[in-house]
Amino acid sequence: MAVHQQPTQVVTMTTTTHNSMTWSTGLCDCCSDMGTCCCGLWCFPCMQCQTASNHGWCCCCPLLDVCCVVSCLLRSSIREKYGIPGSCCEDCCQLLWCYGCVWCQMNRELKIRANHPTNASVVTTQFVRG
């Protein structure tokens, strides 16, 4: 009598992570992405709406930015999502002194992280006959 063994399923999962725990560009690094710089210069509200939308927020949120509250919340959310150190106080101070530069930095960060995902998982399934 012949004995047949059922195939065994082996699942392999590989995870790669983006090790950058800092902002990918500096606060005044406008020359690293001239498109963002120009958009911020000539159509700042459009860039703000694009940034909020790219982060998954309603694109109209920046239009309601009274006293930089929305800006602080968005920056804090971006920092939290990507593990970038900082504080709400630091965010508020930077927004107070360099409002446009902060928004350009957030826009660049979201563009860079979208092109280089932080977590990429590859799952392969292999059937092994015994």
N, C-alpha and C. Protein backbone atom coordinates (compact mmCIF):
# COMPACT_ATOMS: atom_id res chain seq x y z
N MET A 1 0.83 -1.17 0.00
CA MET A 1 0.00 0.00 0.00
C MET A 1 0.89 1.25 0.00
N ALA A 2 0.66 2.13 -0.93
CA ALA A 2 1.46 3.34 -1.07
C ALA A 2 0.93 4.43 -0.15
N VAL A 3 1.85 5.15 0.50
CA VAL A 3 1.47 6.25 1.38
C VAL A 3 1.81 7.56 0.67
N HIS A 4 0.83 8.44 0.55
CA HIS A 4 1.03 9.74 -0.10
C HIS A 4 1.01 10.82 0.98
N GLN A 5 2.02 11.65 0.97
CA GLN A 5 2.09 12.74 1.94
C GLN A 5 1.55 14.01 1.30
N GLN A 6 0.75 14.72 2.05
CA GLN A 6 0.17 15.98 1.57
C GLN A 6 1.28 17.04 1.48
N PRO A 7 1.17 17.96 0.49
CA PRO A 7 2.17 19.03 0.40
C PRO A 7 2.13 19.92 1.65
N THR A 8 3.27 20.38 2.09
CA THR A 8 3.38 21.27 3.24
C THR A 8 3.52 22.68 2.73
N GLN A 9 2.82 23.60 3.38
CA GLN A 9 2.90 25.01 2.96
C GLN A 9 3.87 25.75 3.87
N VAL A 10 4.84 26.41 3.27
CA VAL A 10 5.82 27.21 4.01
C VAL A 10 5.63 28.66 3.59
N VAL A 11 5.39 29.55 4.55
CA VAL A 11 5.20 30.97 4.26
C VAL A 11 6.41 31.73 4.78
N THR A 12 7.04 32.49 3.91
CA THR A 12 8.20 33.29 4.28
C THR A 12 7.81 34.76 4.18
N MET A 13 8.08 35.53 5.21
CA MET A 13 7.75 36.96 5.20
C MET A 13 9.02 37.75 5.44
N THR A 14 9.29 38.67 4.55
CA THR A 14 10.46 39.53 4.65
C THR A 14 9.99 40.97 4.81
N THR A 15 10.50 41.66 5.80
CA THR A 15 10.12 43.05 6.02
C THR A 15 11.37 43.91 5.97
N THR A 16 11.30 44.98 5.19
CA THR A 16 12.39 45.94 5.16
C THR A 16 11.87 47.26 5.69
N THR A 17 12.70 47.96 6.41
CA THR A 17 12.26 49.22 7.00
C THR A 17 13.17 50.36 6.57
N HIS A 18 12.60 51.54 6.54
CA HIS A 18 13.32 52.78 6.24
C HIS A 18 13.91 53.25 7.56
N ASN A 19 15.22 53.30 7.68
CA ASN A 19 15.86 53.57 8.96
C ASN A 19 15.95 55.05 9.31
N SER A 20 15.55 55.92 8.44
CA SER A 20 15.68 57.34 8.71
C SER A 20 14.69 57.79 9.76
N MET A 21 15.20 58.20 10.90
CA MET A 21 14.36 58.69 11.99
C MET A 21 14.45 60.21 12.08
N THR A 22 14.78 60.85 10.98
CA THR A 22 14.85 62.30 10.94
C THR A 22 14.12 62.77 9.68
N TRP A 23 13.95 64.07 9.57
CA TRP A 23 13.38 64.62 8.35
C TRP A 23 14.35 64.33 7.21
N SER A 24 13.84 63.96 6.07
CA SER A 24 14.69 63.62 4.93
C SER A 24 15.41 64.85 4.37
N THR A 25 14.79 66.02 4.53
CA THR A 25 15.41 67.27 4.08
C THR A 25 15.35 68.28 5.21
N GLY A 26 16.22 69.25 5.15
CA GLY A 26 16.24 70.29 6.17
C GLY A 26 15.11 71.29 5.99
N LEU A 27 14.93 72.12 6.99
CA LEU A 27 13.86 73.11 6.97
C LEU A 27 14.03 74.11 5.82
N CYS A 28 15.27 74.47 5.53
CA CYS A 28 15.53 75.45 4.46
C CYS A 28 16.15 74.79 3.23
N ASP A 29 15.78 73.55 2.96
CA ASP A 29 16.32 72.79 1.83
C ASP A 29 15.47 72.92 0.58
N CYS A 30 15.02 74.11 0.28
CA CYS A 30 14.12 74.32 -0.86
C CYS A 30 14.73 73.90 -2.19
N CYS A 31 16.04 74.03 -2.32
CA CYS A 31 16.68 73.70 -3.60
C CYS A 31 16.69 72.20 -3.88
N SER A 32 16.39 71.38 -2.88
CA SER A 32 16.37 69.93 -3.12
C SER A 32 15.14 69.50 -3.91
N ASP A 33 14.11 70.33 -3.93
CA ASP A 33 12.90 70.05 -4.71
C ASP A 33 12.32 71.38 -5.18
N MET A 34 12.77 71.81 -6.35
CA MET A 34 12.36 73.12 -6.86
C MET A 34 10.87 73.18 -7.17
N GLY A 35 10.26 72.05 -7.50
CA GLY A 35 8.82 72.02 -7.77
C GLY A 35 8.02 72.43 -6.55
N THR A 36 8.38 71.88 -5.41
CA THR A 36 7.70 72.23 -4.16
C THR A 36 7.97 73.68 -3.81
N CYS A 37 9.21 74.10 -3.99
CA CYS A 37 9.58 75.48 -3.69
C CYS A 37 8.77 76.46 -4.53
N CYS A 38 8.68 76.20 -5.82
CA CYS A 38 7.94 77.10 -6.71
C CYS A 38 6.45 77.08 -6.40
N CYS A 39 5.92 75.91 -6.15
CA CYS A 39 4.50 75.79 -5.81
C CYS A 39 4.21 76.54 -4.51
N GLY A 40 5.11 76.40 -3.53
CA GLY A 40 4.94 77.11 -2.27
C GLY A 40 5.05 78.62 -2.43
N LEU A 41 5.86 79.04 -3.38
CA LEU A 41 6.05 80.47 -3.60
C LEU A 41 4.88 81.10 -4.35
N TRP A 42 4.40 80.43 -5.39
CA TRP A 42 3.38 81.05 -6.24
C TRP A 42 1.95 80.58 -5.96
N CYS A 43 1.79 79.43 -5.34
CA CYS A 43 0.44 78.97 -5.04
C CYS A 43 0.45 78.22 -3.71
N PHE A 44 0.78 78.94 -2.66
CA PHE A 44 0.96 78.34 -1.33
C PHE A 44 -0.27 77.57 -0.85
N PRO A 45 -1.49 78.13 -0.96
CA PRO A 45 -2.66 77.36 -0.51
C PRO A 45 -2.83 76.04 -1.27
N CYS A 46 -2.50 76.02 -2.55
CA CYS A 46 -2.58 74.77 -3.33
C CYS A 46 -1.61 73.73 -2.77
N MET A 47 -0.38 74.16 -2.43
CA MET A 47 0.61 73.24 -1.89
C MET A 47 0.16 72.73 -0.52
N GLN A 48 -0.44 73.61 0.29
CA GLN A 48 -0.93 73.18 1.59
C GLN A 48 -2.01 72.11 1.43
N CYS A 49 -2.94 72.33 0.53
CA CYS A 49 -4.02 71.36 0.30
C CYS A 49 -3.47 70.04 -0.22
N GLN A 50 -2.48 70.11 -1.11
CA GLN A 50 -1.85 68.90 -1.64
C GLN A 50 -1.15 68.12 -0.52
N THR A 51 -0.47 68.84 0.37
CA THR A 51 0.25 68.20 1.47
C THR A 51 -0.71 67.48 2.39
N ALA A 52 -1.79 68.16 2.78
CA ALA A 52 -2.78 67.54 3.66
C ALA A 52 -3.39 66.32 2.99
N SER A 53 -3.72 66.43 1.73
CA SER A 53 -4.32 65.33 0.98
C SER A 53 -3.36 64.14 0.87
N ASN A 54 -2.09 64.41 0.60
CA ASN A 54 -1.08 63.34 0.50
C ASN A 54 -0.91 62.60 1.82
N HIS A 55 -1.21 63.27 2.92
CA HIS A 55 -1.11 62.62 4.23
C HIS A 55 -2.40 61.91 4.62
N GLY A 56 -3.41 62.03 3.78
CA GLY A 56 -4.67 61.36 4.05
C GLY A 56 -5.70 62.21 4.76
N TRP A 57 -5.41 63.49 4.88
CA TRP A 57 -6.34 64.42 5.51
C TRP A 57 -7.20 65.07 4.44
N CYS A 58 -8.28 65.70 4.87
CA CYS A 58 -9.12 66.47 3.96
C CYS A 58 -8.29 67.62 3.41
N CYS A 59 -8.36 67.82 2.10
CA CYS A 59 -7.53 68.86 1.48
C CYS A 59 -7.95 70.27 1.91
N CYS A 60 -9.11 70.42 2.51
CA CYS A 60 -9.56 71.75 2.95
C CYS A 60 -9.08 72.12 4.35
N CYS A 61 -8.51 71.17 5.07
CA CYS A 61 -8.05 71.44 6.44
C CYS A 61 -7.11 72.64 6.55
N PRO A 62 -6.10 72.76 5.68
CA PRO A 62 -5.20 73.90 5.81
C PRO A 62 -5.88 75.25 5.64
N LEU A 63 -7.01 75.27 4.95
CA LEU A 63 -7.72 76.53 4.77
C LEU A 63 -8.36 77.00 6.07
N LEU A 64 -8.45 76.11 7.05
CA LEU A 64 -9.02 76.43 8.35
C LEU A 64 -7.93 76.63 9.40
N ASP A 65 -6.73 76.88 8.97
CA ASP A 65 -5.57 76.95 9.89
C ASP A 65 -5.55 78.27 10.66
N VAL A 66 -6.29 78.31 11.74
CA VAL A 66 -6.32 79.50 12.60
C VAL A 66 -5.25 79.32 13.67
N CYS A 67 -4.39 80.29 13.81
CA CYS A 67 -3.30 80.27 14.81
C CYS A 67 -2.39 79.04 14.67
N CYS A 68 -2.23 78.54 13.48
CA CYS A 68 -1.32 77.42 13.17
C CYS A 68 -1.72 76.09 13.82
N VAL A 69 -2.95 75.97 14.29
CA VAL A 69 -3.38 74.74 14.96
C VAL A 69 -3.34 73.56 13.99
N VAL A 70 -3.91 73.71 12.80
CA VAL A 70 -3.93 72.62 11.83
C VAL A 70 -2.50 72.27 11.40
N SER A 71 -1.67 73.29 11.21
CA SER A 71 -0.28 73.05 10.81
C SER A 71 0.46 72.24 11.87
N CYS A 72 0.28 72.60 13.14
CA CYS A 72 0.94 71.87 14.23
C CYS A 72 0.45 70.42 14.29
N LEU A 73 -0.86 70.24 14.14
CA LEU A 73 -1.41 68.89 14.19
C LEU A 73 -0.92 68.03 13.02
N LEU A 74 -0.86 68.62 11.84
CA LEU A 74 -0.39 67.88 10.66
C LEU A 74 1.08 67.51 10.82
N ARG A 75 1.89 68.46 11.22
CA ARG A 75 3.33 68.20 11.39
C ARG A 75 3.55 67.12 12.45
N SER A 76 2.82 67.20 13.53
CA SER A 76 2.91 66.20 14.59
C SER A 76 2.50 64.82 14.08
N SER A 77 1.46 64.78 13.27
CA SER A 77 0.99 63.52 12.71
C SER A 77 2.02 62.91 11.76
N ILE A 78 2.65 63.74 10.95
CA ILE A 78 3.70 63.27 10.03
C ILE A 78 4.88 62.73 10.84
N ARG A 79 5.28 63.48 11.88
CA ARG A 79 6.40 63.03 12.72
C ARG A 79 6.08 61.68 13.36
N GLU A 80 4.87 61.55 13.88
CA GLU A 80 4.47 60.31 14.54
C GLU A 80 4.43 59.14 13.56
N LYS A 81 3.90 59.37 12.38
CA LYS A 81 3.79 58.30 11.37
C LYS A 81 5.15 57.75 10.96
N TYR A 82 6.13 58.63 10.84
CA TYR A 82 7.45 58.21 10.36
C TYR A 82 8.50 58.10 11.46
N GLY A 83 8.09 58.25 12.71
CA GLY A 83 9.02 58.10 13.83
C GLY A 83 10.07 59.18 13.90
N ILE A 84 9.72 60.38 13.48
CA ILE A 84 10.65 61.51 13.51
C ILE A 84 10.56 62.18 14.88
N PRO A 85 11.67 62.33 15.57
CA PRO A 85 11.61 62.94 16.90
C PRO A 85 11.27 64.43 16.82
N GLY A 86 10.73 64.94 17.89
CA GLY A 86 10.38 66.35 17.98
C GLY A 86 9.27 66.53 18.99
N SER A 87 8.82 67.76 19.13
CA SER A 87 7.76 68.04 20.10
C SER A 87 6.78 69.05 19.50
N CYS A 88 5.64 69.13 20.12
CA CYS A 88 4.63 70.10 19.68
C CYS A 88 5.16 71.52 19.84
N CYS A 89 5.90 71.76 20.91
CA CYS A 89 6.47 73.09 21.16
C CYS A 89 7.46 73.46 20.04
N GLU A 90 8.30 72.51 19.66
CA GLU A 90 9.26 72.73 18.58
C GLU A 90 8.53 73.02 17.26
N ASP A 91 7.49 72.23 16.99
CA ASP A 91 6.70 72.44 15.77
C ASP A 91 6.10 73.84 15.75
N CYS A 92 5.51 74.25 16.86
CA CYS A 92 4.88 75.57 16.93
C CYS A 92 5.89 76.69 16.73
N CYS A 93 7.06 76.55 17.34
CA CYS A 93 8.10 77.59 17.18
C CYS A 93 8.56 77.67 15.73
N GLN A 94 8.78 76.52 15.11
CA GLN A 94 9.21 76.53 13.71
C GLN A 94 8.14 77.13 12.81
N LEU A 95 6.88 76.80 13.07
CA LEU A 95 5.79 77.37 12.27
C LEU A 95 5.66 78.87 12.49
N LEU A 96 5.91 79.33 13.69
CA LEU A 96 5.82 80.75 13.99
C LEU A 96 6.87 81.54 13.21
N TRP A 97 8.09 81.01 13.11
CA TRP A 97 9.19 81.74 12.48
C TRP A 97 9.39 81.41 11.01
N CYS A 98 9.04 80.20 10.58
CA CYS A 98 9.31 79.77 9.20
C CYS A 98 8.12 79.03 8.62
N TYR A 99 6.95 79.62 8.67
CA TYR A 99 5.70 78.97 8.27
C TYR A 99 5.81 78.33 6.88
N GLY A 100 6.22 79.07 5.90
CA GLY A 100 6.31 78.54 4.54
C GLY A 100 7.33 77.43 4.41
N CYS A 101 8.47 77.58 5.06
CA CYS A 101 9.52 76.56 4.99
C CYS A 101 9.06 75.25 5.63
N VAL A 102 8.31 75.34 6.73
CA VAL A 102 7.81 74.15 7.40
C VAL A 102 6.85 73.39 6.48
N TRP A 103 5.96 74.12 5.83
CA TRP A 103 5.02 73.47 4.92
C TRP A 103 5.75 72.84 3.73
N CYS A 104 6.75 73.51 3.20
CA CYS A 104 7.53 72.93 2.10
C CYS A 104 8.25 71.67 2.56
N GLN A 105 8.79 71.69 3.78
CA GLN A 105 9.47 70.51 4.31
C GLN A 105 8.50 69.34 4.47
N MET A 106 7.31 69.61 4.97
CA MET A 106 6.32 68.54 5.13
C MET A 106 5.94 67.97 3.76
N ASN A 107 5.77 68.84 2.78
CA ASN A 107 5.42 68.39 1.43
C ASN A 107 6.52 67.51 0.85
N ARG A 108 7.77 67.96 0.98
CA ARG A 108 8.91 67.17 0.47
C ARG A 108 8.98 65.82 1.18
N GLU A 109 8.77 65.82 2.49
CA GLU A 109 8.84 64.57 3.27
C GLU A 109 7.81 63.56 2.77
N LEU A 110 6.61 64.01 2.56
CA LEU A 110 5.56 63.10 2.09
C LEU A 110 5.86 62.58 0.69
N LYS A 111 6.43 63.42 -0.17
CA LYS A 111 6.82 62.98 -1.51
C LYS A 111 7.92 61.92 -1.42
N ILE A 112 8.93 62.17 -0.62
CA ILE A 112 10.06 61.25 -0.48
C ILE A 112 9.59 59.92 0.10
N ARG A 113 8.80 59.98 1.16
CA ARG A 113 8.34 58.75 1.81
C ARG A 113 7.38 57.96 0.92
N ALA A 114 6.63 58.65 0.06
CA ALA A 114 5.73 57.95 -0.86
C ALA A 114 6.54 57.19 -1.91
N ASN A 115 7.68 57.73 -2.30
CA ASN A 115 8.54 57.07 -3.29
C ASN A 115 9.39 55.97 -2.69
N HIS A 116 9.63 56.05 -1.38
CA HIS A 116 10.43 55.04 -0.66
C HIS A 116 9.64 54.62 0.56
N PRO A 117 8.74 53.63 0.41
CA PRO A 117 7.88 53.24 1.54
C PRO A 117 8.69 52.82 2.75
N THR A 118 8.14 53.10 3.94
CA THR A 118 8.83 52.78 5.18
C THR A 118 8.82 51.29 5.47
N ASN A 119 7.74 50.62 5.20
CA ASN A 119 7.67 49.18 5.45
C ASN A 119 7.22 48.47 4.18
N ALA A 120 8.03 47.60 3.71
CA ALA A 120 7.66 46.81 2.54
C ALA A 120 7.70 45.35 2.94
N SER A 121 6.62 44.66 2.75
CA SER A 121 6.56 43.24 3.09
C SER A 121 6.42 42.41 1.84
N VAL A 122 7.19 41.36 1.79
CA VAL A 122 7.11 40.42 0.67
C VAL A 122 6.72 39.08 1.26
N VAL A 123 5.61 38.54 0.81
CA VAL A 123 5.16 37.24 1.31
C VAL A 123 5.23 36.26 0.16
N THR A 124 5.94 35.16 0.38
CA THR A 124 6.02 34.11 -0.63
C THR A 124 5.48 32.83 -0.05
N THR A 125 4.82 32.06 -0.86
CA THR A 125 4.26 30.77 -0.43
C THR A 125 4.92 29.70 -1.27
N GLN A 126 5.41 28.69 -0.59
CA GLN A 126 6.12 27.61 -1.26
C GLN A 126 5.51 26.28 -0.81
N PHE A 127 5.20 25.42 -1.74
CA PHE A 127 4.70 24.10 -1.41
C PHE A 127 5.86 23.12 -1.48
N VAL A 128 6.04 22.36 -0.40
CA VAL A 128 7.14 21.41 -0.32
C VAL A 128 6.53 20.01 -0.30
N ARG A 129 6.97 19.19 -1.19
CA ARG A 129 6.50 17.80 -1.19
C ARG A 129 7.51 16.96 -0.40
N GLY A 130 6.95 16.16 0.50
CA GLY A 130 7.81 15.36 1.37
C GLY A 130 8.14 14.05 0.88
